């Protein structure tokens, strides 16, 4: 029973990267835009960091 709960917890925590990935990709894409990319892309990328 303990092993099952441990495996379930590990699978649940590994999914955080999948949720954070779209925010990181969007932040990187936004940062490419000249002039306004850095200030707008950094908070979007930070959301991905906060999820992890």
PDB file of N, CA and C in Angstrom:
ATOM      1  N   UNK A   1       0.827  -1.199   0.000  1.00  0.00           N
ATOM      2  CA  UNK A   1       0.000   0.000   0.000  1.00  0.00           C
ATOM      3  C   UNK A   1       0.869   1.260   0.000  1.00  0.00           C
ATOM      4  N   UNK A   2       1.914   1.240   0.821  1.00  0.00           N
ATOM      5  CA  UNK A   2       2.801   2.412   0.869  1.00  0.00           C
ATOM      6  C   UNK A   2       3.501   2.638  -0.463  1.00  0.00           C
ATOM      7  N   UNK A   3       3.915   1.558  -1.084  1.00  0.00           N
ATOM      8  CA  UNK A   3       4.595   1.672  -2.376  1.00  0.00           C
ATOM      9  C   UNK A   3       3.661   2.261  -3.426  1.00  0.00           C
ATOM     10  N   UNK A   4       2.417   1.858  -3.401  1.00  0.00           N
ATOM     11  CA  UNK A   4       1.436   2.383  -4.345  1.00  0.00           C
ATOM     12  C   UNK A   4       1.227   3.879  -4.142  1.00  0.00           C
ATOM     13  N   UNK A   5       1.120   4.306  -2.895  1.00  0.00           N
ATOM     14  CA  UNK A   5       0.949   5.731  -2.614  1.00  0.00           C
ATOM     15  C   UNK A   5       2.185   6.531  -3.000  1.00  0.00           C
ATOM     16  N   UNK A   6       3.364   5.957  -2.774  1.00  0.00           N
ATOM     17  CA  UNK A   6       4.598   6.634  -3.153  1.00  0.00           C
ATOM     18  C   UNK A   6       4.699   6.799  -4.670  1.00  0.00           C
ATOM     19  N   UNK A   7       4.364   5.759  -5.408  1.00  0.00           N
ATOM     20  CA  UNK A   7       4.384   5.841  -6.868  1.00  0.00           C
ATOM     21  C   UNK A   7       3.349   6.832  -7.393  1.00  0.00           C
ATOM     22  N   UNK A   8       2.181   6.842  -6.779  1.00  0.00           N
ATOM     23  CA  UNK A   8       1.145   7.784  -7.185  1.00  0.00           C
ATOM     24  C   UNK A   8       1.585   9.229  -6.935  1.00  0.00           C
ATOM     25  N   UNK A   9       2.218   9.480  -5.807  1.00  0.00           N
ATOM     26  CA  UNK A   9       2.725  10.820  -5.499  1.00  0.00           C
ATOM     27  C   UNK A   9       3.816  11.233  -6.489  1.00  0.00           C
ATOM     28  N   UNK A  10       4.692  10.296  -6.841  1.00  0.00           N
ATOM     29  CA  UNK A  10       5.767  10.607  -7.788  1.00  0.00           C
ATOM     30  C   UNK A  10       5.198  10.933  -9.168  1.00  0.00           C
ATOM     31  N   UNK A  11       4.187  10.210  -9.597  1.00  0.00           N
ATOM     32  CA  UNK A  11       3.574  10.490 -10.898  1.00  0.00           C
ATOM     33  C   UNK A  11       2.848  11.828 -10.895  1.00  0.00           C
ATOM     34  N   UNK A  12       2.233  12.169  -9.793  1.00  0.00           N
ATOM     35  CA  UNK A  12       1.518  13.437  -9.695  1.00  0.00           C
ATOM     36  C   UNK A  12       2.486  14.610  -9.742  1.00  0.00           C
ATOM     37  N   UNK A  13       3.603  14.506  -9.043  1.00  0.00           N
ATOM     38  CA  UNK A  13       4.564  15.600  -9.009  1.00  0.00           C
ATOM     39  C   UNK A  13       5.310  15.753 -10.327  1.00  0.00           C
ATOM     40  N   UNK A  14       5.481  14.675 -11.066  1.00  0.00           N
ATOM     41  CA  UNK A  14       6.198  14.780 -12.332  1.00  0.00           C
ATOM     42  C   UNK A  14       5.376  15.515 -13.389  1.00  0.00           C
ATOM     43  N   UNK A  15       4.082  15.648 -13.193  1.00  0.00           N
ATOM     44  CA  UNK A  15       3.228  16.337 -14.141  1.00  0.00           C
ATOM     45  C   UNK A  15       3.364  17.848 -14.100  1.00  0.00           C
ATOM     46  N   UNK A  16       4.022  18.379 -13.076  1.00  0.00           N
ATOM     47  CA  UNK A  16       4.178  19.830 -12.968  1.00  0.00           C
ATOM     48  C   UNK A  16       4.960  20.403 -14.147  1.00  0.00           C
ATOM     49  N   UNK A  17       5.946  19.666 -14.608  1.00  0.00           N
ATOM     50  CA  UNK A  17       6.725  20.125 -15.753  1.00  0.00           C
ATOM     51  C   UNK A  17       5.878  20.255 -17.000  1.00  0.00           C
ATOM     52  N   UNK A  18       4.919  19.372 -17.149  1.00  0.00           N
ATOM     53  CA  UNK A  18       4.036  19.443 -18.311  1.00  0.00           C
ATOM     54  C   UNK A  18       3.121  20.657 -18.250  1.00  0.00           C
ATOM     55  N   UNK A  19       2.722  21.033 -17.053  1.00  0.00           N
ATOM     56  CA  UNK A  19       1.862  22.210 -16.899  1.00  0.00           C
ATOM     57  C   UNK A  19       2.672  23.481 -17.102  1.00  0.00           C
ATOM     58  N   UNK A  20       3.920  23.487 -16.653  1.00  0.00           N
ATOM     59  CA  UNK A  20       4.761  24.679 -16.754  1.00  0.00           C
ATOM     60  C   UNK A  20       5.303  24.906 -18.162  1.00  0.00           C
ATOM     61  N   UNK A  21       5.388  23.864 -18.961  1.00  0.00           N
ATOM     62  CA  UNK A  21       5.991  23.977 -20.285  1.00  0.00           C
ATOM     63  C   UNK A  21       5.336  25.025 -21.183  1.00  0.00           C
ATOM     64  N   UNK A  22       4.006  25.093 -21.294  1.00  0.00           N
ATOM     65  CA  UNK A  22       3.418  26.122 -22.167  1.00  0.00           C
ATOM     66  C   UNK A  22       3.756  27.550 -21.726  1.00  0.00           C
ATOM     67  N   UNK A  23       3.860  27.778 -20.425  1.00  0.00           N
ATOM     68  CA  UNK A  23       4.202  29.116 -19.947  1.00  0.00           C
ATOM     69  C   UNK A  23       5.645  29.461 -20.296  1.00  0.00           C
ATOM     70  N   UNK A  24       6.530  28.500 -20.159  1.00  0.00           N
ATOM     71  CA  UNK A  24       7.939  28.750 -20.493  1.00  0.00           C
ATOM     72  C   UNK A  24       8.119  28.994 -21.983  1.00  0.00           C
ATOM     73  N   UNK A  25       7.443  28.200 -22.808  1.00  0.00           N
ATOM     74  CA  UNK A  25       7.554  28.371 -24.260  1.00  0.00           C
ATOM     75  C   UNK A  25       6.954  29.712 -24.679  1.00  0.00           C
ATOM     76  N   UNK A  26       5.792  30.041 -24.135  1.00  0.00           N
ATOM     77  CA  UNK A  26       5.161  31.331 -24.478  1.00  0.00           C
ATOM     78  C   UNK A  26       6.044  32.490 -24.036  1.00  0.00           C
ATOM     79  N   UNK A  27       6.642  32.385 -22.854  1.00  0.00           N
ATOM     80  CA  UNK A  27       7.538  33.449 -22.378  1.00  0.00           C
ATOM     81  C   UNK A  27       8.739  33.612 -23.284  1.00  0.00           C
ATOM     82  N   UNK A  28       9.306  32.497 -23.754  1.00  0.00           N
ATOM     83  CA  UNK A  28      10.453  32.575 -24.666  1.00  0.00           C
ATOM     84  C   UNK A  28      10.061  33.174 -26.010  1.00  0.00           C
ATOM     85  N   UNK A  29       8.895  32.815 -26.511  1.00  0.00           N
ATOM     86  CA  UNK A  29       8.434  33.355 -27.794  1.00  0.00           C
ATOM     87  C   UNK A  29       8.155  34.851 -27.668  1.00  0.00           C
ATOM     88  N   UNK A  30       7.554  35.264 -26.585  1.00  0.00           N
ATOM     89  CA  UNK A  30       7.251  36.688 -26.388  1.00  0.00           C
ATOM     90  C   UNK A  30       8.533  37.496 -26.252  1.00  0.00           C
ATOM     91  N   UNK A  31       9.563  36.926 -25.616  1.00  0.00           N
ATOM     92  CA  UNK A  31      10.810  37.669 -25.408  1.00  0.00           C
ATOM     93  C   UNK A  31      11.546  37.960 -26.703  1.00  0.00           C
ATOM     94  N   UNK A  32      11.196  37.291 -27.774  1.00  0.00           N
ATOM     95  CA  UNK A  32      11.845  37.527 -29.065  1.00  0.00           C
ATOM     96  C   UNK A  32      11.345  38.818 -29.710  1.00  0.00           C
ATOM     97  N   UNK A  33      10.161  39.263 -29.333  1.00  0.00           N
ATOM     98  CA  UNK A  33       9.575  40.473 -29.918  1.00  0.00           C
ATOM     99  C   UNK A  33      10.446  41.679 -29.540  1.00  0.00           C
ATOM    100  N   UNK A  34      10.849  42.485 -30.511  1.00  0.00           N
ATOM    101  CA  UNK A  34      11.689  43.642 -30.204  1.00  0.00           C
ATOM    102  C   UNK A  34      10.973  44.649 -29.296  1.00  0.00           C
ATOM    103  N   UNK A  35      11.718  45.318 -28.482  1.00  0.00           N
ATOM    104  CA  UNK A  35      11.341  46.411 -27.590  1.00  0.00           C
ATOM    105  C   UNK A  35      10.479  45.949 -26.411  1.00  0.00           C
ATOM    106  N   UNK A  36       9.332  45.367 -26.644  1.00  0.00           N
ATOM    107  CA  UNK A  36       8.423  45.024 -25.544  1.00  0.00           C
ATOM    108  C   UNK A  36       8.532  43.558 -25.123  1.00  0.00           C
ATOM    109  N   UNK A  37       9.332  42.787 -25.787  1.00  0.00           N
ATOM    110  CA  UNK A  37       9.390  41.359 -25.507  1.00  0.00           C
ATOM    111  C   UNK A  37       9.923  41.004 -24.136  1.00  0.00           C
ATOM    112  N   UNK A  38      11.022  41.625 -23.739  1.00  0.00           N
ATOM    113  CA  UNK A  38      11.633  41.295 -22.450  1.00  0.00           C
ATOM    114  C   UNK A  38      10.725  41.618 -21.265  1.00  0.00           C
ATOM    115  N   UNK A  39      10.161  42.833 -21.179  1.00  0.00           N
ATOM    116  CA  UNK A  39       9.328  43.140 -20.009  1.00  0.00           C
ATOM    117  C   UNK A  39       8.043  42.316 -19.942  1.00  0.00           C
ATOM    118  N   UNK A  40       7.502  41.929 -21.073  1.00  0.00           N
ATOM    119  CA  UNK A  40       6.257  41.162 -21.066  1.00  0.00           C
ATOM    120  C   UNK A  40       6.543  39.662 -20.951  1.00  0.00           C
ATOM    121  N   UNK A  41       7.609  39.183 -21.545  1.00  0.00           N
ATOM    122  CA  UNK A  41       7.919  37.762 -21.529  1.00  0.00           C
ATOM    123  C   UNK A  41       8.458  37.255 -20.205  1.00  0.00           C
ATOM    124  N   UNK A  42       9.145  38.108 -19.470  1.00  0.00           N
ATOM    125  CA  UNK A  42       9.728  37.679 -18.193  1.00  0.00           C
ATOM    126  C   UNK A  42       8.675  37.236 -17.175  1.00  0.00           C
ATOM    127  N   UNK A  43       7.577  37.969 -16.970  1.00  0.00           N
ATOM    128  CA  UNK A  43       6.566  37.483 -16.016  1.00  0.00           C
ATOM    129  C   UNK A  43       5.879  36.182 -16.457  1.00  0.00           C
ATOM    130  N   UNK A  44       5.686  36.017 -17.771  1.00  0.00           N
ATOM    131  CA  UNK A  44       5.079  34.798 -18.264  1.00  0.00           C
ATOM    132  C   UNK A  44       6.005  33.617 -17.987  1.00  0.00           C
ATOM    133  N   UNK A  45       7.280  33.810 -18.208  1.00  0.00           N
ATOM    134  CA  UNK A  45       8.264  32.775 -17.940  1.00  0.00           C
ATOM    135  C   UNK A  45       8.343  32.501 -16.435  1.00  0.00           C
ATOM    136  N   UNK A  46       8.182  33.522 -15.613  1.00  0.00           N
ATOM    137  CA  UNK A  46       8.223  33.365 -14.151  1.00  0.00           C
ATOM    138  C   UNK A  46       7.054  32.520 -13.650  1.00  0.00           C
ATOM    139  N   UNK A  47       5.921  32.567 -14.334  1.00  0.00           N
ATOM    140  CA  UNK A  47       4.790  31.728 -13.950  1.00  0.00           C
ATOM    141  C   UNK A  47       5.177  30.251 -14.107  1.00  0.00           C
ATOM    142  N   UNK A  48       5.885  29.925 -15.169  1.00  0.00           N
ATOM    143  CA  UNK A  48       6.369  28.554 -15.348  1.00  0.00           C
ATOM    144  C   UNK A  48       7.315  28.133 -14.246  1.00  0.00           C
ATOM    145  N   UNK A  49       8.170  29.057 -13.812  1.00  0.00           N
ATOM    146  CA  UNK A  49       9.080  28.766 -12.704  1.00  0.00           C
ATOM    147  C   UNK A  49       8.301  28.566 -11.401  1.00  0.00           C
ATOM    148  N   UNK A  50       7.265  29.343 -11.202  1.00  0.00           N
ATOM    149  CA  UNK A  50       6.479  29.228  -9.970  1.00  0.00           C
ATOM    150  C   UNK A  50       5.720  27.910  -9.919  1.00  0.00           C
ATOM    151  N   UNK A  51       5.287  27.416 -11.057  1.00  0.00           N
ATOM    152  CA  UNK A  51       4.569  26.147 -11.090  1.00  0.00           C
ATOM    153  C   UNK A  51       5.486  24.999 -10.678  1.00  0.00           C
ATOM    154  N   UNK A  52       6.738  25.069 -11.150  1.00  0.00           N
ATOM    155  CA  UNK A  52       7.703  24.024 -10.774  1.00  0.00           C
ATOM    156  C   UNK A  52       8.074  24.199  -9.337  1.00  0.00           C
TER     157      UNK A  52
END
